[in-house]
Amino acid sequence: MSNVVTLSSVRARGIAAKHADIAAISRMFAQQRRRAGDVFWLKENAEWLGVLASSNMPASSGALMPYASFYDQLEETIRFFPQYYRFFLSLALDLEDLGMPGETGLRLSHWVSRMRLVDGELSDLQRAEAERLIARRMPVTRDETLHARLRGFFLRSENFVLPNKKASYDLAHIVFYLSDYGQRDPALPLAAIESLTFASILAYLDQDMDLLAELCAALRLAGSPAPVLWEDAVRTAANACQIVPHHGEGAGDGYHIYLMAGWLSQMAGAPAFSQAVPQGPVSIRYAPPEGALLGLSEALFKMGDTRQSDWARMRGRIMASLAPSAQNILAQAEASCPQFDAFFARFARAPVKMGEGSARVQL
């Protein structure tokens, strides 16, 4: 399969940036939410700058100024906290690519390589992220066995018809790294697109717009934009995020859906990140909608041996067992893409009689 990824297909065409106050959002993440430099601050700001660097939203000097002191201390900081080297590398590289003067990213890349910090990673996904980051500033010998394992992960589309959020997030991130966030064609086979599609159907059924946003972004980066229904749902979620004064109700909030849904909206050329940022400490409020996945799973499980893999045969029985809101979500998922029948055939987990489909195992 050949997918030609053009920047116009994955980046906004100037529309999204029109009303976004990028400097205000940078100040919000850098100064108004968490103590600068703690691990949660690193995660939030790395994700925000990553969104900014992978889009065409203009970053003025005002958008970079809140990070000037942090950037100046990066070389000293990474030596004391090497366990967070991927965050530090990502922040330094994105800041420089956005216009921050300096070559700290290059020096950090050489230091990370010299210290062999990547050898301490057990996760293939984290190794792939580190390889991509270092390769932005210096030559890197591509780990072919690593890339073979990553590609093998998304070839088994049957793995993505059952709820497993970590696997689905990993799937999206593999595409992000292989495509270098839209800079190259990841050359995904049809099986990988099918895996992304199945995982997206699950996310839509669950109304998990954070996960759906990442999967839709991955589909765009693979040159295969998601169905309009899914992206519209993510944009609705982006509009539902509210930046409000923080009153000490807890650190956890909807910052990630705010970033991911806004990023996808920006990719599609829709307005994004246009909400005004209040002064002082802020939270990002988001109330996720109720999904249909749990009801669907329970209905199928209760059917026991009468479950069938044929959606056309099962549709009426399943719909009758669901609440009206869940029926509506399921009907929308069914209509959203032609792969729904194939998804359901595996999701149903219809009973197989003993001896059917068995394979000889040699020990």
Foldseek 3Di string as FASTA:
>chain_A
DDFFFDLLLQEAPPQQQPQAPLLQVLCQLLPFADDHPDPVSLVLNLLQLVLVLLYPRQQDVSNLVSCVVVLVCLVVVCVVVVVCLLSSLSVNVSSVSNPDDDDVNLVSLVVCVVVVVLVVDPDLLVNLSNQLSSVVRDDDDDDVVSLVVLLVLQLPLLVQLDDDLVSLLSLLSSLCSCLVSRVGASPRDPSNVSSLLNNLLLCLQQLVLLSNLSSQSSCSSNNHHFFPVSLVSLLVQLVQKDKAADDPPDNDADSSSNSSSQSSCRRVNHHHNNDDHDPHHIGIHGDGDGGQNVLQVVQLVVCPQVFALACVVCVVVSLVSDDPVSNVSVVCSPPRDPCVSVSSSSSSCHDDDPPPPDDDDDD
